[in-house]
Amino acid sequence: MTLTAIILTRNEAENIAEAIRSVKFADEILVVDDCSSDDTVAIASQEGAKVVSRPMNGNWAEQRNFALTQAAGDMIFFLDADERVSPKLAAEIQSTLSSRQDCCLAMRRENHFAEGPLTHGILRPDRVTRVFPREHGAYEGRVHEKLICSLPVITLNNRLIHFPYRDWSHYWQKFDKYTENSAKKYLESGKSCSFFRDIFLRPLWAFFKIYFFNLGFLDGKLGWIFSVNHYCYTMNKYVRLYSLQRNNGKI
């Protein structure tokens, strides 16, 4: 059994070295780069990764599926550039794969903002499936892509550390990119948009769910801010869908 760790990048010069170092236990480290204009490719190469360049064009599933065709390992471990594998998680992955290759491995992801970890609300620890046999997995979905694999899933005990936003400027850059891509995905899938249901009611429910049901209020000021921002995120992506549909004569 061999393991390939895959990292998709675009302008991740600040993150890529630490990400690669955290998966040095893999037999192969593959970086698939989306035409970075910074030093991402040079740094990844210096750290010993195999680097392949390919434009992503906003389609995450296609980029991940392309990466699978470039990997040599029997098992795949997808890591984001803003994630880190702790030594304990690395040891647990290796130990599990030494006896099981007929399954997928999931792990809890601990999200950190500039002020520290967030344990509730929108950034509460989430479960992600990242390790699977190369021949049994594929991805679908332009944004928030989903792994399709019929094998059983084992959830590991140790957490993956995630730094999704360096600061508020980085947060709003992602906000803009993800709402735009989500609107395009909805348009392509034929999803309809109702002003009252999707632009008025749905954002209210999004805030209520995150702040109360997911206990965002326990994260204090940041919990309130991220819950309100989730309201804005939900409304924004549907406003963009509404606009796209109007421009295409569907409303």
C-alpha atoms as a PDB file:
ATOM      1  CA  MET A   1       0.000   0.000   0.000  1.00  0.00           C
ATOM      2  CA  THR A   2       1.305   3.446  -0.957  1.00  0.00           C
ATOM      3  CA  LEU A   3      -0.203   6.809  -0.021  1.00  0.00           C
ATOM      4  CA  THR A   4      -0.349   9.983  -2.115  1.00  0.00           C
ATOM      5  CA  ALA A   5      -1.165  13.251  -0.348  1.00  0.00           C
ATOM      6  CA  ILE A   6      -2.773  15.738  -2.754  1.00  0.00           C
ATOM      7  CA  ILE A   7      -2.985  19.498  -2.200  1.00  0.00           C
ATOM      8  CA  LEU A   8      -4.881  21.813  -4.566  1.00  0.00           C
ATOM      9  CA  THR A   9      -3.459  25.334  -4.635  1.00  0.00           C
ATOM     10  CA  ARG A  10      -3.823  28.829  -5.986  1.00  0.00           C
ATOM     11  CA  ASN A  11      -1.620  31.565  -4.520  1.00  0.00           C
ATOM     12  CA  GLU A  12      -0.944  29.633  -1.302  1.00  0.00           C
ATOM     13  CA  ALA A  13       2.677  30.753  -0.765  1.00  0.00           C
ATOM     14  CA  GLU A  14       1.895  31.560   2.884  1.00  0.00           C
ATOM     15  CA  ASN A  15       0.503  28.083   3.574  1.00  0.00           C
ATOM     16  CA  ILE A  16       1.982  25.506   1.254  1.00  0.00           C
ATOM     17  CA  ALA A  17       5.278  24.780   3.018  1.00  0.00           C
ATOM     18  CA  GLU A  18       3.651  23.967   6.363  1.00  0.00           C
ATOM     19  CA  ALA A  19       0.946  21.912   4.674  1.00  0.00           C
ATOM     20  CA  ILE A  20       3.518  19.812   2.818  1.00  0.00           C
ATOM     21  CA  ARG A  21       5.667  19.329   5.914  1.00  0.00           C
ATOM     22  CA  SER A  22       2.667  18.005   7.826  1.00  0.00           C
ATOM     23  CA  VAL A  23       2.203  15.156   5.292  1.00  0.00           C
ATOM     24  CA  LYS A  24       5.832  14.132   4.848  1.00  0.00           C
ATOM     25  CA  PHE A  25       4.800  10.650   6.010  1.00  0.00           C
ATOM     26  CA  ALA A  26       3.096  10.072   2.616  1.00  0.00           C
ATOM     27  CA  ASP A  27       4.947   8.175  -0.126  1.00  0.00           C
ATOM     28  CA  GLU A  28       4.128  10.911  -2.631  1.00  0.00           C
ATOM     29  CA  ILE A  29       3.051  14.530  -2.232  1.00  0.00           C
ATOM     30  CA  LEU A  30       1.258  15.957  -5.262  1.00  0.00           C
ATOM     31  CA  VAL A  31       0.421  19.648  -5.654  1.00  0.00           C
ATOM     32  CA  VAL A  32      -2.049  20.558  -8.397  1.00  0.00           C
ATOM     33  CA  ASP A  33      -1.748  24.299  -8.907  1.00  0.00           C
ATOM     34  CA  ASP A  34      -4.344  26.602 -10.430  1.00  0.00           C
ATOM     35  CA  CYS A  35      -2.017  29.071 -12.201  1.00  0.00           C
ATOM     36  CA  SER A  36      -0.623  30.755  -9.073  1.00  0.00           C
ATOM     37  CA  SER A  37       0.978  34.157  -9.535  1.00  0.00           C
ATOM     38  CA  ASP A  38       2.976  33.990  -6.291  1.00  0.00           C
ATOM     39  CA  ASP A  39       5.741  31.591  -5.171  1.00  0.00           C
ATOM     40  CA  THR A  40       3.466  28.627  -4.474  1.00  0.00           C
ATOM     41  CA  VAL A  41       4.942  26.395  -7.181  1.00  0.00           C
ATOM     42  CA  ALA A  42       8.561  27.219  -6.326  1.00  0.00           C
ATOM     43  CA  ILE A  43       8.022  26.607  -2.610  1.00  0.00           C
ATOM     44  CA  ALA A  44       6.165  23.339  -3.221  1.00  0.00           C
ATOM     45  CA  SER A  45       8.967  22.098  -5.449  1.00  0.00           C
ATOM     46  CA  GLN A  46      11.590  23.075  -2.865  1.00  0.00           C
ATOM     47  CA  GLU A  47       9.671  21.062  -0.261  1.00  0.00           C
ATOM     48  CA  GLY A  48       9.878  17.964  -2.449  1.00  0.00           C
ATOM     49  CA  ALA A  49       6.358  17.864  -3.863  1.00  0.00           C
ATOM     50  CA  LYS A  50       5.505  16.839  -7.392  1.00  0.00           C
ATOM     51  CA  VAL A  51       3.809  19.875  -8.967  1.00  0.00           C
ATOM     52  CA  VAL A  52       1.325  19.801 -11.848  1.00  0.00           C
ATOM     53  CA  SER A  53      -0.284  22.992 -13.189  1.00  0.00           C
ATOM     54  CA  ARG A  54      -3.870  23.075 -14.458  1.00  0.00           C
ATOM     55  CA  PRO A  55      -6.472  25.890 -14.599  1.00  0.00           C
ATOM     56  CA  MET A  56      -9.379  25.057 -12.290  1.00  0.00           C
ATOM     57  CA  ASN A  57     -11.932  27.488 -13.778  1.00  0.00           C
ATOM     58  CA  GLY A  58     -13.941  27.434 -10.561  1.00  0.00           C
ATOM     59  CA  ASN A  59     -14.750  23.715 -10.760  1.00  0.00           C
ATOM     60  CA  TRP A  60     -13.386  21.977  -7.658  1.00  0.00           C
ATOM     61  CA  ALA A  61     -14.683  18.497  -8.485  1.00  0.00           C
ATOM     62  CA  GLU A  62     -13.020  18.455 -11.902  1.00  0.00           C
ATOM     63  CA  GLN A  63      -9.739  19.605 -10.357  1.00  0.00           C
ATOM     64  CA  ARG A  64      -9.833  16.865  -7.732  1.00  0.00           C
ATOM     65  CA  ASN A  65     -10.716  14.221 -10.315  1.00  0.00           C
ATOM     66  CA  PHE A  66      -7.839  15.404 -12.509  1.00  0.00           C
ATOM     67  CA  ALA A  67      -5.502  15.159  -9.495  1.00  0.00           C
ATOM     68  CA  LEU A  68      -6.532  11.515  -9.035  1.00  0.00           C
ATOM     69  CA  THR A  69      -5.287  10.741 -12.544  1.00  0.00           C
ATOM     70  CA  GLN A  70      -1.876  12.214 -11.671  1.00  0.00           C
ATOM     71  CA  ALA A  71      -1.409  10.306  -8.401  1.00  0.00           C
ATOM     72  CA  ALA A  72       0.679   7.151  -8.133  1.00  0.00           C
ATOM     73  CA  GLY A  73      -0.465   5.966  -4.688  1.00  0.00           C
ATOM     74  CA  ASP A  74      -2.927   3.189  -3.976  1.00  0.00           C
ATOM     75  CA  MET A  75      -4.535   5.361  -1.297  1.00  0.00           C
ATOM     76  CA  ILE A  76      -5.312   9.087  -1.569  1.00  0.00           C
ATOM     77  CA  PHE A  77      -5.258  11.742   1.145  1.00  0.00           C
ATOM     78  CA  PHE A  78      -6.668  15.115   0.102  1.00  0.00           C
ATOM     79  CA  LEU A  79      -5.376  17.995   2.210  1.00  0.00           C
ATOM     80  CA  ASP A  80      -6.192  21.685   1.755  1.00  0.00           C
ATOM     81  CA  ALA A  81      -3.308  24.150   1.823  1.00  0.00           C
ATOM     82  CA  ASP A  82      -4.765  25.823   4.917  1.00  0.00           C
ATOM     83  CA  GLU A  83      -4.922  22.542   6.866  1.00  0.00           C
ATOM     84  CA  ARG A  84      -2.304  20.817   9.011  1.00  0.00           C
ATOM     85  CA  VAL A  85      -1.910  17.171  10.028  1.00  0.00           C
ATOM     86  CA  SER A  86      -0.716  16.824  13.597  1.00  0.00           C
ATOM     87  CA  PRO A  87       1.865  14.122  14.433  1.00  0.00           C
ATOM     88  CA  LYS A  88      -0.848  12.203  16.328  1.00  0.00           C
ATOM     89  CA  LEU A  89      -3.216  12.271  13.353  1.00  0.00           C
ATOM     90  CA  ALA A  90      -0.394  11.252  11.005  1.00  0.00           C
ATOM     91  CA  ALA A  91       0.410   8.265  13.214  1.00  0.00           C
ATOM     92  CA  GLU A  92      -3.269   7.288  13.387  1.00  0.00           C
ATOM     93  CA  ILE A  93      -3.649   7.445   9.599  1.00  0.00           C
ATOM     94  CA  GLN A  94      -0.571   5.252   9.107  1.00  0.00           C
ATOM     95  CA  SER A  95      -1.643   2.791  11.779  1.00  0.00           C
ATOM     96  CA  THR A  96      -5.152   2.453  10.350  1.00  0.00           C
ATOM     97  CA  LEU A  97      -3.959   2.027   6.757  1.00  0.00           C
ATOM     98  CA  SER A  98      -1.508  -0.665   7.812  1.00  0.00           C
ATOM     99  CA  SER A  99      -4.466  -2.955   8.468  1.00  0.00           C
ATOM    100  CA  ARG A 100      -7.314  -1.464   6.398  1.00  0.00           C
ATOM    101  CA  GLN A 101      -7.317  -0.344   2.776  1.00  0.00           C
ATOM    102  CA  ASP A 102     -10.917  -1.316   2.015  1.00  0.00           C
ATOM    103  CA  CYS A 103     -12.428   1.803   3.546  1.00  0.00           C
ATOM    104  CA  CYS A 104     -12.455   5.586   3.619  1.00  0.00           C
ATOM    105  CA  LEU A 105     -11.069   7.571   6.534  1.00  0.00           C
ATOM    106  CA  ALA A 106     -12.869  10.598   7.956  1.00  0.00           C
ATOM    107  CA  MET A 107     -11.674  13.028  10.607  1.00  0.00           C
ATOM    108  CA  ARG A 108     -13.024  15.930  12.608  1.00  0.00           C
ATOM    109  CA  ARG A 109     -11.682  19.275  11.437  1.00  0.00           C
ATOM    110  CA  GLU A 110     -10.945  21.868  14.118  1.00  0.00           C
ATOM    111  CA  ASN A 111     -11.421  25.353  12.686  1.00  0.00           C
ATOM    112  CA  HIS A 112      -9.241  28.245  13.849  1.00  0.00           C
ATOM    113  CA  PHE A 113      -9.745  31.947  13.183  1.00  0.00           C
ATOM    114  CA  ALA A 114      -7.176  34.657  13.909  1.00  0.00           C
ATOM    115  CA  GLU A 115      -8.366  34.890  17.520  1.00  0.00           C
ATOM    116  CA  GLY A 116      -8.241  31.120  18.090  1.00  0.00           C
ATOM    117  CA  PRO A 117     -10.423  27.994  17.671  1.00  0.00           C
ATOM    118  CA  LEU A 118     -14.192  28.248  17.204  1.00  0.00           C
ATOM    119  CA  THR A 119     -16.187  25.385  18.691  1.00  0.00           C
ATOM    120  CA  HIS A 120     -19.800  26.248  17.778  1.00  0.00           C
ATOM    121  CA  GLY A 121     -21.878  27.847  15.045  1.00  0.00           C
ATOM    122  CA  ILE A 122     -20.788  27.877  11.415  1.00  0.00           C
ATOM    123  CA  LEU A 123     -17.153  27.032  12.253  1.00  0.00           C
ATOM    124  CA  ARG A 124     -17.876  24.227  14.720  1.00  0.00           C
ATOM    125  CA  PRO A 125     -15.742  21.100  14.139  1.00  0.00           C
ATOM    126  CA  ASP A 126     -16.966  19.403  10.968  1.00  0.00           C
ATOM    127  CA  ARG A 127     -16.423  15.859   9.723  1.00  0.00           C
ATOM    128  CA  VAL A 128     -14.562  15.462   6.434  1.00  0.00           C
ATOM    129  CA  THR A 129     -13.742  12.272   4.519  1.00  0.00           C
ATOM    130  CA  ARG A 130     -10.302  12.650   2.986  1.00  0.00           C
ATOM    131  CA  VAL A 131      -8.573   9.250   2.690  1.00  0.00           C
ATOM    132  CA  PHE A 132      -9.788   6.593   0.248  1.00  0.00           C
ATOM    133  CA  PRO A 133      -8.528   4.031  -2.304  1.00  0.00           C
ATOM    134  CA  ARG A 134      -7.713   5.834  -5.564  1.00  0.00           C
ATOM    135  CA  GLU A 135      -9.647   3.364  -7.705  1.00  0.00           C
ATOM    136  CA  HIS A 136     -12.850   3.694  -5.658  1.00  0.00           C
ATOM    137  CA  GLY A 137     -13.356   7.446  -5.318  1.00  0.00           C
ATOM    138  CA  ALA A 138     -14.457  10.390  -7.469  1.00  0.00           C
ATOM    139  CA  TYR A 139     -15.848  13.878  -6.871  1.00  0.00           C
ATOM    140  CA  GLU A 140     -18.910  15.747  -8.049  1.00  0.00           C
ATOM    141  CA  GLY A 141     -20.081  19.329  -7.530  1.00  0.00           C
ATOM    142  CA  ARG A 142     -18.645  22.594  -8.821  1.00  0.00           C
ATOM    143  CA  VAL A 143     -18.562  24.180  -5.332  1.00  0.00           C
ATOM    144  CA  HIS A 144     -18.602  22.295  -2.010  1.00  0.00           C
ATOM    145  CA  GLU A 145     -17.685  19.201  -3.991  1.00  0.00           C
ATOM    146  CA  LYS A 146     -18.617  15.789  -2.610  1.00  0.00           C
ATOM    147  CA  LEU A 147     -16.620  12.571  -2.529  1.00  0.00           C
ATOM    148  CA  ILE A 148     -18.471   9.630  -4.073  1.00  0.00           C
ATOM    149  CA  CYS A 149     -17.225   6.339  -2.633  1.00  0.00           C
ATOM    150  CA  SER A 150     -19.275   3.266  -1.727  1.00  0.00           C
ATOM    151  CA  LEU A 151     -16.778   1.879   0.797  1.00  0.00           C
ATOM    152  CA  PRO A 152     -17.412   2.053   4.567  1.00  0.00           C
ATOM    153  CA  VAL A 153     -16.136   5.129   6.410  1.00  0.00           C
ATOM    154  CA  ILE A 154     -14.025   4.987   9.587  1.00  0.00           C
ATOM    155  CA  THR A 155     -13.828   8.178  11.662  1.00  0.00           C
ATOM    156  CA  LEU A 156     -10.432   8.763  13.264  1.00  0.00           C
ATOM    157  CA  ASN A 157      -9.982  10.079  16.790  1.00  0.00           C
ATOM    158  CA  ASN A 158      -7.452  12.854  16.185  1.00  0.00           C
ATOM    159  CA  ARG A 159      -8.438  16.140  14.585  1.00  0.00           C
ATOM    160  CA  LEU A 160      -7.302  17.873  11.437  1.00  0.00           C
ATOM    161  CA  ILE A 161      -6.346  21.504  12.138  1.00  0.00           C
ATOM    162  CA  HIS A 162      -7.872  24.050   9.763  1.00  0.00           C
ATOM    163  CA  PHE A 163      -7.030  27.753   9.315  1.00  0.00           C
ATOM    164  CA  PRO A 164      -9.761  28.840   6.842  1.00  0.00           C
ATOM    165  CA  TYR A 165      -9.244  32.614   7.173  1.00  0.00           C
ATOM    166  CA  ARG A 166      -6.006  34.470   7.825  1.00  0.00           C
ATOM    167  CA  ASP A 167      -7.881  37.686   8.616  1.00  0.00           C
ATOM    168  CA  TRP A 168     -11.105  39.479   7.727  1.00  0.00           C
ATOM    169  CA  SER A 169      -9.797  40.575   4.344  1.00  0.00           C
ATOM    170  CA  HIS A 170      -9.184  36.933   3.440  1.00  0.00           C
ATOM    171  CA  TYR A 171     -12.639  36.038   4.783  1.00  0.00           C
ATOM    172  CA  TRP A 172     -14.384  38.512   2.451  1.00  0.00           C
ATOM    173  CA  GLN A 173     -12.343  37.374  -0.537  1.00  0.00           C
ATOM    174  CA  LYS A 174     -13.593  33.818   0.025  1.00  0.00           C
ATOM    175  CA  PHE A 175     -17.106  35.110   0.692  1.00  0.00           C
ATOM    176  CA  ASP A 176     -17.183  36.788  -2.716  1.00  0.00           C
ATOM    177  CA  LYS A 177     -15.714  33.796  -4.562  1.00  0.00           C
ATOM    178  CA  TYR A 178     -17.951  31.180  -2.958  1.00  0.00           C
ATOM    179  CA  THR A 179     -21.222  33.108  -3.337  1.00  0.00           C
ATOM    180  CA  GLU A 180     -20.447  33.722  -7.009  1.00  0.00           C
ATOM    181  CA  ASN A 181     -19.577  30.074  -7.677  1.00  0.00           C
ATOM    182  CA  SER A 182     -22.629  28.851  -5.743  1.00  0.00           C
ATOM    183  CA  ALA A 183     -24.935  31.048  -7.823  1.00  0.00           C
ATOM    184  CA  LYS A 184     -23.389  29.724 -11.043  1.00  0.00           C
ATOM    185  CA  LYS A 185     -23.762  26.141  -9.802  1.00  0.00           C
ATOM    186  CA  TYR A 186     -27.438  26.703  -8.974  1.00  0.00           C
ATOM    187  CA  LEU A 187     -28.062  28.273 -12.394  1.00  0.00           C
ATOM    188  CA  GLU A 188     -26.402  25.365 -14.205  1.00  0.00           C
ATOM    189  CA  SER A 189     -28.453  22.830 -12.237  1.00  0.00           C
ATOM    190  CA  GLY A 190     -31.710  24.629 -13.089  1.00  0.00           C
ATOM    191  CA  LYS A 191     -32.466  25.678  -9.515  1.00  0.00           C
ATOM    192  CA  SER A 192     -35.194  28.306  -9.326  1.00  0.00           C
ATOM    193  CA  CYS A 193     -35.027  31.387  -7.112  1.00  0.00           C
ATOM    194  CA  SER A 194     -38.006  32.926  -5.334  1.00  0.00           C
ATOM    195  CA  PHE A 195     -37.471  36.388  -3.867  1.00  0.00           C
ATOM    196  CA  PHE A 196     -39.686  35.744  -0.829  1.00  0.00           C
ATOM    197  CA  ARG A 197     -38.538  32.179  -0.127  1.00  0.00           C
ATOM    198  CA  ASP A 198     -34.829  32.380  -0.972  1.00  0.00           C
ATOM    199  CA  ILE A 199     -33.837  36.021  -0.484  1.00  0.00           C
ATOM    200  CA  PHE A 200     -36.139  36.955   2.393  1.00  0.00           C
ATOM    201  CA  LEU A 201     -36.900  33.782   4.388  1.00  0.00           C
ATOM    202  CA  ARG A 202     -33.918  31.491   3.766  1.00  0.00           C
ATOM    203  CA  PRO A 203     -31.272  33.898   5.178  1.00  0.00           C
ATOM    204  CA  LEU A 204     -33.367  34.354   8.343  1.00  0.00           C
ATOM    205  CA  TRP A 205     -33.481  30.595   8.844  1.00  0.00           C
ATOM    206  CA  ALA A 206     -29.737  30.351   8.145  1.00  0.00           C
ATOM    207  CA  PHE A 207     -28.987  32.831  10.937  1.00  0.00           C
ATOM    208  CA  PHE A 208     -31.427  31.202  13.379  1.00  0.00           C
ATOM    209  CA  LYS A 209     -30.008  27.730  12.743  1.00  0.00           C
ATOM    210  CA  ILE A 210     -26.361  28.750  13.181  1.00  0.00           C
ATOM    211  CA  TYR A 211     -26.786  31.097  16.152  1.00  0.00           C
ATOM    212  CA  PHE A 212     -29.299  29.066  18.172  1.00  0.00           C
ATOM    213  CA  PHE A 213     -29.462  25.433  16.995  1.00  0.00           C
ATOM    214  CA  ASN A 214     -25.698  25.176  16.402  1.00  0.00           C
ATOM    215  CA  LEU A 215     -24.978  27.182  19.574  1.00  0.00           C
ATOM    216  CA  GLY A 216     -23.123  30.011  17.861  1.00  0.00           C
ATOM    217  CA  PHE A 217     -23.995  32.253  20.806  1.00  0.00           C
ATOM    218  CA  LEU A 218     -21.543  30.261  22.949  1.00  0.00           C
ATOM    219  CA  ASP A 219     -18.664  31.699  20.896  1.00  0.00           C
ATOM    220  CA  GLY A 220     -19.448  35.199  22.154  1.00  0.00           C
ATOM    221  CA  LYS A 221     -18.813  38.163  19.879  1.00  0.00           C
ATOM    222  CA  LEU A 222     -17.291  36.066  17.099  1.00  0.00           C
ATOM    223  CA  GLY A 223     -20.270  33.711  17.265  1.00  0.00           C
ATOM    224  CA  TRP A 224     -22.616  36.640  16.639  1.00  0.00           C
ATOM    225  CA  ILE A 225     -20.473  38.043  13.820  1.00  0.00           C
ATOM    226  CA  PHE A 226     -20.168  34.734  11.980  1.00  0.00           C
ATOM    227  CA  SER A 227     -23.890  34.028  12.377  1.00  0.00           C
ATOM    228  CA  VAL A 228     -24.828  37.418  10.906  1.00  0.00           C
ATOM    229  CA  ASN A 229     -22.286  36.898   8.134  1.00  0.00           C
ATOM    230  CA  HIS A 230     -23.880  33.527   7.381  1.00  0.00           C
ATOM    231  CA  TYR A 231     -27.192  35.374   6.941  1.00  0.00           C
ATOM    232  CA  CYS A 232     -25.424  37.699   4.476  1.00  0.00           C
ATOM    233  CA  TYR A 233     -23.721  34.781   2.720  1.00  0.00           C
ATOM    234  CA  THR A 234     -27.023  32.970   2.193  1.00  0.00           C
ATOM    235  CA  MET A 235     -28.801  36.073   0.933  1.00  0.00           C
ATOM    236  CA  ASN A 236     -25.894  37.079  -1.311  1.00  0.00           C
ATOM    237  CA  LYS A 237     -25.675  33.796  -3.207  1.00  0.00           C
ATOM    238  CA  TYR A 238     -29.417  33.855  -3.923  1.00  0.00           C
ATOM    239  CA  VAL A 239     -29.346  37.516  -4.916  1.00  0.00           C
ATOM    240  CA  ARG A 240     -26.622  36.585  -7.387  1.00  0.00           C
ATOM    241  CA  LEU A 241     -28.681  33.642  -8.657  1.00  0.00           C
ATOM    242  CA  TYR A 242     -31.732  35.907  -8.983  1.00  0.00           C
ATOM    243  CA  SER A 243     -29.662  38.385 -11.012  1.00  0.00           C
ATOM    244  CA  LEU A 244     -28.240  35.655 -13.260  1.00  0.00           C
ATOM    245  CA  GLN A 245     -31.718  34.309 -13.949  1.00  0.00           C
ATOM    246  CA  ARG A 246     -33.016  37.761 -14.794  1.00  0.00           C
ATOM    247  CA  ASN A 247     -30.110  38.319 -17.173  1.00  0.00           C
ATOM    248  CA  ASN A 248     -30.852  34.975 -18.828  1.00  0.00           C
ATOM    249  CA  GLY A 249     -34.550  35.765 -19.165  1.00  0.00           C
ATOM    250  CA  LYS A 250     -35.635  33.083 -16.709  1.00  0.00           C
ATOM    251  CA  ILE A 251     -37.461  35.506 -14.387  1.00  0.00           C
END
